[in-house]
């Protein structure tokens, strides 16, 4: 992990209490976002211990928001709490990757089916602008920026379904799915393929074709899962932050 890269402070945004006295917004949400990105993108490796004092120094915050962030990441399944010994980054097993993308594919297919008929013109215009920006990152080879915007697009599509239960179910799984999606971008061929699939998806939305939009997203997610498994089977597991069931108890 490059400590210098992550010494940028987490910005505190001031709010006012009911008495009008400025107060600091809790920092654990910002710490969660930064730590989640570090795990997903491999800056914190599988099995790496998460020492709150070290992370607090790196992220330029106190230890309290770091501890809260670690607890939330444990709920998301990205971190394992070790009683009396802190926490560590966990590995996804082959089995969990396969099952995860089966579920995500089904959820996002249904979200697309609903969004195709429920999204407003404003929703579509916003999605189109996001898509065009993502295409620009793809053309420029800006993998990190592409990935960030791709995640926002998937969330926007689910939001456009106008189904709160579907959104909450999706939110409970998305952190693990993001980890797999980032892994899949290690394949240049898959990155090109995924961008083309998003182009087809936007056309389906423009046509209000519910069935086609759902099928495109379903195949998109299943293909991503298949690529993750293929990469896992043909490379050192630690390289992608994923391990088989027998290797999931990595310790340092």
C-alpha atoms as a PDB file:
ATOM      1  CA  UNK A   1       0.000   0.000   0.000  1.00  0.00           C
ATOM      2  CA  UNK A   2       1.398   3.407  -0.996  1.00  0.00           C
ATOM      3  CA  UNK A   3       0.902   5.483   2.135  1.00  0.00           C
ATOM      4  CA  UNK A   4       1.744   8.765   0.452  1.00  0.00           C
ATOM      5  CA  UNK A   5      -1.076   8.247  -2.029  1.00  0.00           C
ATOM      6  CA  UNK A   6      -3.643   7.919   0.731  1.00  0.00           C
ATOM      7  CA  UNK A   7      -2.552  10.774   2.973  1.00  0.00           C
ATOM      8  CA  UNK A   8      -5.143  13.078   1.425  1.00  0.00           C
ATOM      9  CA  UNK A   9      -7.352  14.137   4.345  1.00  0.00           C
ATOM     10  CA  UNK A  10     -10.972  13.122   4.490  1.00  0.00           C
ATOM     11  CA  UNK A  11     -12.794  16.405   4.242  1.00  0.00           C
ATOM     12  CA  UNK A  12     -14.960  17.301   7.222  1.00  0.00           C
ATOM     13  CA  UNK A  13     -18.173  19.036   6.235  1.00  0.00           C
ATOM     14  CA  UNK A  14     -19.597  21.326   8.876  1.00  0.00           C
ATOM     15  CA  UNK A  15     -23.254  21.173   9.833  1.00  0.00           C
ATOM     16  CA  UNK A  16     -25.217  23.144  12.406  1.00  0.00           C
ATOM     17  CA  UNK A  17     -27.023  21.717  15.367  1.00  0.00           C
ATOM     18  CA  UNK A  18     -30.533  22.708  16.352  1.00  0.00           C
ATOM     19  CA  UNK A  19     -28.966  25.489  18.438  1.00  0.00           C
ATOM     20  CA  UNK A  20     -27.117  26.831  15.425  1.00  0.00           C
ATOM     21  CA  UNK A  21     -23.705  25.687  16.672  1.00  0.00           C
ATOM     22  CA  UNK A  22     -21.498  24.260  13.903  1.00  0.00           C
ATOM     23  CA  UNK A  23     -20.650  20.618  14.354  1.00  0.00           C
ATOM     24  CA  UNK A  24     -18.623  18.127  12.391  1.00  0.00           C
ATOM     25  CA  UNK A  25     -20.353  15.516  10.254  1.00  0.00           C
ATOM     26  CA  UNK A  26     -19.370  11.964  11.319  1.00  0.00           C
ATOM     27  CA  UNK A  27     -16.288  10.859   9.422  1.00  0.00           C
ATOM     28  CA  UNK A  28     -16.869   7.107   9.400  1.00  0.00           C
ATOM     29  CA  UNK A  29     -18.902   7.287   6.169  1.00  0.00           C
ATOM     30  CA  UNK A  30     -16.011   8.920   4.344  1.00  0.00           C
ATOM     31  CA  UNK A  31     -13.575   6.473   5.930  1.00  0.00           C
ATOM     32  CA  UNK A  32     -15.764   3.558   4.812  1.00  0.00           C
ATOM     33  CA  UNK A  33     -15.723   4.803   1.229  1.00  0.00           C
ATOM     34  CA  UNK A  34     -11.949   5.213   1.169  1.00  0.00           C
ATOM     35  CA  UNK A  35     -11.208   1.872   2.832  1.00  0.00           C
ATOM     36  CA  UNK A  36     -13.741   0.091   0.626  1.00  0.00           C
ATOM     37  CA  UNK A  37     -12.026   1.466  -2.482  1.00  0.00           C
ATOM     38  CA  UNK A  38      -8.614   0.433  -1.150  1.00  0.00           C
ATOM     39  CA  UNK A  39      -9.846  -3.151  -0.671  1.00  0.00           C
ATOM     40  CA  UNK A  40     -11.716  -3.369  -3.967  1.00  0.00           C
ATOM     41  CA  UNK A  41      -8.808  -1.972  -5.975  1.00  0.00           C
ATOM     42  CA  UNK A  42      -6.187  -4.084  -4.205  1.00  0.00           C
ATOM     43  CA  UNK A  43      -4.332  -1.400  -2.237  1.00  0.00           C
ATOM     44  CA  UNK A  44      -5.165  -3.439   0.852  1.00  0.00           C
ATOM     45  CA  UNK A  45      -4.324  -7.033   0.035  1.00  0.00           C
ATOM     46  CA  UNK A  46      -6.124 -10.219   0.973  1.00  0.00           C
ATOM     47  CA  UNK A  47      -5.141 -11.222   4.502  1.00  0.00           C
ATOM     48  CA  UNK A  48      -3.712  -7.810   5.317  1.00  0.00           C
ATOM     49  CA  UNK A  49      -4.343  -6.761   8.908  1.00  0.00           C
ATOM     50  CA  UNK A  50      -6.230  -3.502   9.340  1.00  0.00           C
ATOM     51  CA  UNK A  51      -4.555  -1.603  12.158  1.00  0.00           C
ATOM     52  CA  UNK A  52      -6.735   1.339  13.104  1.00  0.00           C
ATOM     53  CA  UNK A  53      -3.770   3.432  14.269  1.00  0.00           C
ATOM     54  CA  UNK A  54      -1.913   3.021  10.961  1.00  0.00           C
ATOM     55  CA  UNK A  55      -5.016   3.639   8.867  1.00  0.00           C
ATOM     56  CA  UNK A  56      -5.925   6.687  10.946  1.00  0.00           C
ATOM     57  CA  UNK A  57      -2.508   8.153  10.179  1.00  0.00           C
ATOM     58  CA  UNK A  58      -2.710   7.309   6.482  1.00  0.00           C
ATOM     59  CA  UNK A  59      -6.198   8.795   6.071  1.00  0.00           C
ATOM     60  CA  UNK A  60      -5.497  11.681   8.451  1.00  0.00           C
ATOM     61  CA  UNK A  61      -8.436  11.007  10.760  1.00  0.00           C
ATOM     62  CA  UNK A  62      -8.840   9.780  14.321  1.00  0.00           C
ATOM     63  CA  UNK A  63      -9.054   6.085  15.155  1.00  0.00           C
ATOM     64  CA  UNK A  64     -12.777   6.254  16.002  1.00  0.00           C
ATOM     65  CA  UNK A  65     -14.096   6.659  12.410  1.00  0.00           C
ATOM     66  CA  UNK A  66     -11.653   3.983  11.269  1.00  0.00           C
ATOM     67  CA  UNK A  67     -13.042   1.534  13.822  1.00  0.00           C
ATOM     68  CA  UNK A  68     -16.607   2.329  12.747  1.00  0.00           C
ATOM     69  CA  UNK A  69     -15.632   1.928   9.090  1.00  0.00           C
ATOM     70  CA  UNK A  70     -14.089  -1.476   9.730  1.00  0.00           C
ATOM     71  CA  UNK A  71     -17.266  -2.668  11.465  1.00  0.00           C
ATOM     72  CA  UNK A  72     -19.392  -1.645   8.482  1.00  0.00           C
ATOM     73  CA  UNK A  73     -17.008  -3.255   5.997  1.00  0.00           C
ATOM     74  CA  UNK A  74     -17.258  -6.456   8.033  1.00  0.00           C
ATOM     75  CA  UNK A  75     -21.047  -6.379   7.564  1.00  0.00           C
ATOM     76  CA  UNK A  76     -20.463  -5.982   3.808  1.00  0.00           C
ATOM     77  CA  UNK A  77     -18.253  -9.064   3.851  1.00  0.00           C
ATOM     78  CA  UNK A  78     -15.044  -7.309   2.818  1.00  0.00           C
ATOM     79  CA  UNK A  79     -13.409  -7.490   6.248  1.00  0.00           C
ATOM     80  CA  UNK A  80     -13.223 -10.187   8.901  1.00  0.00           C
ATOM     81  CA  UNK A  81     -13.182  -9.152  12.554  1.00  0.00           C
ATOM     82  CA  UNK A  82     -10.640 -11.105  14.603  1.00  0.00           C
ATOM     83  CA  UNK A  83     -11.612 -11.177  18.303  1.00  0.00           C
ATOM     84  CA  UNK A  84      -8.856  -9.477  20.252  1.00  0.00           C
ATOM     85  CA  UNK A  85      -6.653  -9.237  17.136  1.00  0.00           C
ATOM     86  CA  UNK A  86      -8.232  -6.482  15.035  1.00  0.00           C
ATOM     87  CA  UNK A  87      -9.419  -7.216  11.511  1.00  0.00           C
ATOM     88  CA  UNK A  88      -8.155  -8.360   8.134  1.00  0.00           C
ATOM     89  CA  UNK A  89      -9.187  -8.190   4.482  1.00  0.00           C
ATOM     90  CA  UNK A  90     -11.046 -11.342   3.491  1.00  0.00           C
ATOM     91  CA  UNK A  91     -10.931 -13.222   0.217  1.00  0.00           C
ATOM     92  CA  UNK A  92     -13.908 -14.097  -1.944  1.00  0.00           C
ATOM     93  CA  UNK A  93     -14.174 -17.795  -2.644  1.00  0.00           C
ATOM     94  CA  UNK A  94     -14.793 -19.255  -6.084  1.00  0.00           C
ATOM     95  CA  UNK A  95     -18.136 -20.505  -4.818  1.00  0.00           C
ATOM     96  CA  UNK A  96     -19.221 -17.117  -3.498  1.00  0.00           C
ATOM     97  CA  UNK A  97     -18.214 -15.330  -6.717  1.00  0.00           C
ATOM     98  CA  UNK A  98     -20.311 -17.729  -8.780  1.00  0.00           C
ATOM     99  CA  UNK A  99     -23.329 -17.433  -6.514  1.00  0.00           C
ATOM    100  CA  UNK A 100     -22.972 -13.675  -6.134  1.00  0.00           C
ATOM    101  CA  UNK A 101     -23.109 -12.949  -9.850  1.00  0.00           C
ATOM    102  CA  UNK A 102     -26.039 -15.307 -10.308  1.00  0.00           C
ATOM    103  CA  UNK A 103     -27.964 -13.184  -7.801  1.00  0.00           C
ATOM    104  CA  UNK A 104     -26.704  -9.803  -9.023  1.00  0.00           C
ATOM    105  CA  UNK A 105     -27.584 -10.758 -12.611  1.00  0.00           C
ATOM    106  CA  UNK A 106     -31.143 -11.550 -11.596  1.00  0.00           C
ATOM    107  CA  UNK A 107     -31.585  -8.405  -9.512  1.00  0.00           C
ATOM    108  CA  UNK A 108     -30.134  -6.073 -12.127  1.00  0.00           C
ATOM    109  CA  UNK A 109     -32.082  -7.742 -14.944  1.00  0.00           C
ATOM    110  CA  UNK A 110     -35.314  -7.029 -13.096  1.00  0.00           C
ATOM    111  CA  UNK A 111     -34.138  -3.488 -12.325  1.00  0.00           C
ATOM    112  CA  UNK A 112     -33.539  -2.890 -16.039  1.00  0.00           C
ATOM    113  CA  UNK A 113     -36.925  -4.313 -16.964  1.00  0.00           C
ATOM    114  CA  UNK A 114     -38.618  -1.928 -14.553  1.00  0.00           C
ATOM    115  CA  UNK A 115     -36.376   1.041 -15.349  1.00  0.00           C
ATOM    116  CA  UNK A 116     -37.036   0.738 -19.086  1.00  0.00           C
ATOM    117  CA  UNK A 117     -40.702   1.553 -18.524  1.00  0.00           C
ATOM    118  CA  UNK A 118     -40.542   3.613 -15.337  1.00  0.00           C
ATOM    119  CA  UNK A 119     -37.627   5.984 -15.820  1.00  0.00           C
ATOM    120  CA  UNK A 120     -38.552   9.581 -16.554  1.00  0.00           C
ATOM    121  CA  UNK A 121     -37.047  11.573 -19.444  1.00  0.00           C
ATOM    122  CA  UNK A 122     -34.929  13.320 -16.830  1.00  0.00           C
ATOM    123  CA  UNK A 123     -33.702   9.946 -15.513  1.00  0.00           C
ATOM    124  CA  UNK A 124     -32.778   8.875 -19.030  1.00  0.00           C
ATOM    125  CA  UNK A 125     -30.993  12.146 -19.849  1.00  0.00           C
ATOM    126  CA  UNK A 126     -28.932  11.858 -16.663  1.00  0.00           C
ATOM    127  CA  UNK A 127     -28.091   8.241 -17.438  1.00  0.00           C
ATOM    128  CA  UNK A 128     -27.128   9.151 -21.002  1.00  0.00           C
ATOM    129  CA  UNK A 129     -24.745  11.873 -19.801  1.00  0.00           C
ATOM    130  CA  UNK A 130     -23.143   9.459 -17.355  1.00  0.00           C
ATOM    131  CA  UNK A 131     -22.819   6.871 -20.107  1.00  0.00           C
ATOM    132  CA  UNK A 132     -21.117   9.349 -22.444  1.00  0.00           C
ATOM    133  CA  UNK A 133     -18.642  10.330 -19.732  1.00  0.00           C
ATOM    134  CA  UNK A 134     -17.913   6.657 -19.057  1.00  0.00           C
ATOM    135  CA  UNK A 135     -17.339   6.068 -22.774  1.00  0.00           C
ATOM    136  CA  UNK A 136     -14.843   8.934 -22.726  1.00  0.00           C
ATOM    137  CA  UNK A 137     -12.921   7.323 -19.861  1.00  0.00           C
ATOM    138  CA  UNK A 138     -12.945   4.054 -21.800  1.00  0.00           C
ATOM    139  CA  UNK A 139     -11.519   5.683 -24.937  1.00  0.00           C
ATOM    140  CA  UNK A 140      -8.826   7.363 -22.838  1.00  0.00           C
ATOM    141  CA  UNK A 141      -7.919   4.121 -21.068  1.00  0.00           C
ATOM    142  CA  UNK A 142      -8.802   5.654 -17.694  1.00  0.00           C
ATOM    143  CA  UNK A 143      -9.684   2.462 -15.896  1.00  0.00           C
ATOM    144  CA  UNK A 144     -10.106   3.903 -12.402  1.00  0.00           C
ATOM    145  CA  UNK A 145     -12.443   6.713 -13.504  1.00  0.00           C
ATOM    146  CA  UNK A 146     -14.359   4.325 -15.755  1.00  0.00           C
ATOM    147  CA  UNK A 147     -14.895   1.941 -12.856  1.00  0.00           C
ATOM    148  CA  UNK A 148     -16.162   4.666 -10.531  1.00  0.00           C
ATOM    149  CA  UNK A 149     -18.660   5.933 -13.079  1.00  0.00           C
ATOM    150  CA  UNK A 150     -19.715   2.419 -14.067  1.00  0.00           C
ATOM    151  CA  UNK A 151     -20.673   1.791 -10.452  1.00  0.00           C
ATOM    152  CA  UNK A 152     -22.713   5.004 -10.374  1.00  0.00           C
ATOM    153  CA  UNK A 153     -24.498   3.971 -13.581  1.00  0.00           C
ATOM    154  CA  UNK A 154     -25.503   0.605 -12.158  1.00  0.00           C
ATOM    155  CA  UNK A 155     -26.854   2.371  -9.050  1.00  0.00           C
ATOM    156  CA  UNK A 156     -28.736   4.893 -11.201  1.00  0.00           C
ATOM    157  CA  UNK A 157     -30.363   2.097 -13.189  1.00  0.00           C
ATOM    158  CA  UNK A 158     -31.492   0.339 -10.029  1.00  0.00           C
ATOM    159  CA  UNK A 159     -32.810   3.653  -8.665  1.00  0.00           C
ATOM    160  CA  UNK A 160     -34.751   4.186 -11.911  1.00  0.00           C
ATOM    161  CA  UNK A 161     -36.654   0.967 -11.206  1.00  0.00           C
ATOM    162  CA  UNK A 162     -38.553   2.963  -8.559  1.00  0.00           C
ATOM    163  CA  UNK A 163     -38.631  -0.112  -6.322  1.00  0.00           C
ATOM    164  CA  UNK A 164     -37.302   0.533  -2.805  1.00  0.00           C
ATOM    165  CA  UNK A 165     -37.075  -3.139  -1.794  1.00  0.00           C
ATOM    166  CA  UNK A 166     -35.130  -3.993  -4.933  1.00  0.00           C
ATOM    167  CA  UNK A 167     -32.777  -1.084  -4.207  1.00  0.00           C
ATOM    168  CA  UNK A 168     -32.122  -2.152  -0.628  1.00  0.00           C
ATOM    169  CA  UNK A 169     -31.499  -5.760  -1.666  1.00  0.00           C
ATOM    170  CA  UNK A 170     -29.088  -4.596  -4.357  1.00  0.00           C
ATOM    171  CA  UNK A 171     -27.298  -2.289  -1.892  1.00  0.00           C
ATOM    172  CA  UNK A 172     -26.658  -5.199   0.475  1.00  0.00           C
ATOM    173  CA  UNK A 173     -24.657  -7.042  -2.220  1.00  0.00           C
ATOM    174  CA  UNK A 174     -23.081  -4.312  -4.295  1.00  0.00           C
ATOM    175  CA  UNK A 175     -19.766  -4.015  -2.383  1.00  0.00           C
ATOM    176  CA  UNK A 176     -18.880  -7.633  -3.127  1.00  0.00           C
ATOM    177  CA  UNK A 177     -20.064  -7.258  -6.713  1.00  0.00           C
ATOM    178  CA  UNK A 178     -17.869  -4.180  -7.174  1.00  0.00           C
ATOM    179  CA  UNK A 179     -14.870  -6.204  -6.091  1.00  0.00           C
ATOM    180  CA  UNK A 180     -15.600  -8.777  -8.771  1.00  0.00           C
ATOM    181  CA  UNK A 181     -16.280  -6.137 -11.410  1.00  0.00           C
ATOM    182  CA  UNK A 182     -12.974  -4.425 -10.725  1.00  0.00           C
ATOM    183  CA  UNK A 183     -11.221  -7.761 -11.027  1.00  0.00           C
ATOM    184  CA  UNK A 184     -12.851  -8.352 -14.414  1.00  0.00           C
ATOM    185  CA  UNK A 185     -11.342  -5.098 -15.714  1.00  0.00           C
ATOM    186  CA  UNK A 186      -7.948  -6.785 -15.526  1.00  0.00           C
ATOM    187  CA  UNK A 187      -9.024  -8.326 -18.826  1.00  0.00           C
ATOM    188  CA  UNK A 188      -8.691  -5.755 -21.611  1.00  0.00           C
ATOM    189  CA  UNK A 189     -10.920  -7.882 -23.832  1.00  0.00           C
ATOM    190  CA  UNK A 190     -13.646  -7.927 -21.188  1.00  0.00           C
ATOM    191  CA  UNK A 191     -13.380  -4.165 -20.713  1.00  0.00           C
ATOM    192  CA  UNK A 192     -13.996  -3.595 -24.426  1.00  0.00           C
ATOM    193  CA  UNK A 193     -16.821  -6.120 -24.409  1.00  0.00           C
ATOM    194  CA  UNK A 194     -18.456  -4.558 -21.334  1.00  0.00           C
ATOM    195  CA  UNK A 195     -18.421  -1.084 -22.881  1.00  0.00           C
ATOM    196  CA  UNK A 196     -20.180  -2.431 -25.977  1.00  0.00           C
ATOM    197  CA  UNK A 197     -22.809  -4.081 -23.792  1.00  0.00           C
ATOM    198  CA  UNK A 198     -23.509  -0.757 -22.104  1.00  0.00           C
ATOM    199  CA  UNK A 199     -23.998   0.814 -25.534  1.00  0.00           C
ATOM    200  CA  UNK A 200     -26.602  -1.825 -26.398  1.00  0.00           C
ATOM    201  CA  UNK A 201     -28.262  -1.315 -23.026  1.00  0.00           C
ATOM    202  CA  UNK A 202     -28.652   2.421 -23.557  1.00  0.00           C
ATOM    203  CA  UNK A 203     -30.271   1.779 -26.918  1.00  0.00           C
ATOM    204  CA  UNK A 204     -32.726  -0.618 -25.293  1.00  0.00           C
ATOM    205  CA  UNK A 205     -33.586   2.048 -22.723  1.00  0.00           C
ATOM    206  CA  UNK A 206     -34.055   4.615 -25.496  1.00  0.00           C
ATOM    207  CA  UNK A 207     -36.469   2.192 -27.185  1.00  0.00           C
ATOM    208  CA  UNK A 208     -38.262   1.459 -23.897  1.00  0.00           C
ATOM    209  CA  UNK A 209     -37.645  -2.221 -24.626  1.00  0.00           C
ATOM    210  CA  UNK A 210     -38.032  -3.801 -21.192  1.00  0.00           C
ATOM    211  CA  UNK A 211     -37.326  -7.390 -22.204  1.00  0.00           C
ATOM    212  CA  UNK A 212     -34.226  -6.529 -24.223  1.00  0.00           C
ATOM    213  CA  UNK A 213     -32.787  -4.236 -21.541  1.00  0.00           C
ATOM    214  CA  UNK A 214     -33.206  -6.941 -18.918  1.00  0.00           C
ATOM    215  CA  UNK A 215     -31.600  -9.618 -21.069  1.00  0.00           C
ATOM    216  CA  UNK A 216     -28.623  -7.409 -21.953  1.00  0.00           C
ATOM    217  CA  UNK A 217     -27.954  -6.680 -18.282  1.00  0.00           C
ATOM    218  CA  UNK A 218     -28.413 -10.317 -17.298  1.00  0.00           C
ATOM    219  CA  UNK A 219     -25.849 -11.493 -19.855  1.00  0.00           C
ATOM    220  CA  UNK A 220     -23.562  -8.573 -18.954  1.00  0.00           C
ATOM    221  CA  UNK A 221     -23.449  -9.579 -15.292  1.00  0.00           C
ATOM    222  CA  UNK A 222     -23.152 -13.298 -15.959  1.00  0.00           C
ATOM    223  CA  UNK A 223     -20.295 -12.668 -18.375  1.00  0.00           C
ATOM    224  CA  UNK A 224     -18.503 -10.526 -15.791  1.00  0.00           C
ATOM    225  CA  UNK A 225     -18.827 -13.315 -13.240  1.00  0.00           C
ATOM    226  CA  UNK A 226     -17.494 -15.853 -15.737  1.00  0.00           C
ATOM    227  CA  UNK A 227     -14.458 -13.664 -16.472  1.00  0.00           C
ATOM    228  CA  UNK A 228     -13.693 -13.284 -12.771  1.00  0.00           C
ATOM    229  CA  UNK A 229     -13.761 -17.047 -12.340  1.00  0.00           C
ATOM    230  CA  UNK A 230     -11.598 -17.515 -15.434  1.00  0.00           C
ATOM    231  CA  UNK A 231      -9.022 -15.034 -14.138  1.00  0.00           C
ATOM    232  CA  UNK A 232      -9.042 -16.724 -10.764  1.00  0.00           C
ATOM    233  CA  UNK A 233      -8.414 -20.131 -12.270  1.00  0.00           C
ATOM    234  CA  UNK A 234      -5.514 -18.910 -14.420  1.00  0.00           C
ATOM    235  CA  UNK A 235      -3.674 -16.539 -12.085  1.00  0.00           C
ATOM    236  CA  UNK A 236      -2.309 -16.353  -8.572  1.00  0.00           C
ATOM    237  CA  UNK A 237      -5.416 -15.842  -6.376  1.00  0.00           C
ATOM    238  CA  UNK A 238      -3.812 -13.113  -4.254  1.00  0.00           C
ATOM    239  CA  UNK A 239      -3.251 -11.050  -7.399  1.00  0.00           C
ATOM    240  CA  UNK A 240      -6.956 -10.305  -7.636  1.00  0.00           C
ATOM    241  CA  UNK A 241      -7.899 -10.328  -3.978  1.00  0.00           C
ATOM    242  CA  UNK A 242      -9.929 -13.509  -4.413  1.00  0.00           C
ATOM    243  CA  UNK A 243      -9.230 -17.034  -3.281  1.00  0.00           C
ATOM    244  CA  UNK A 244     -10.659 -20.505  -3.571  1.00  0.00           C
ATOM    245  CA  UNK A 245     -12.390 -22.006  -0.572  1.00  0.00           C
ATOM    246  CA  UNK A 246      -9.189 -23.822   0.485  1.00  0.00           C
ATOM    247  CA  UNK A 247      -7.192 -20.581   0.267  1.00  0.00           C
ATOM    248  CA  UNK A 248      -9.704 -18.283   1.944  1.00  0.00           C
ATOM    249  CA  UNK A 249      -7.977 -18.428   5.350  1.00  0.00           C
ATOM    250  CA  UNK A 250      -5.012 -16.325   4.309  1.00  0.00           C
ATOM    251  CA  UNK A 251      -3.051 -14.951   7.238  1.00  0.00           C
ATOM    252  CA  UNK A 252      -0.061 -12.704   7.582  1.00  0.00           C
END
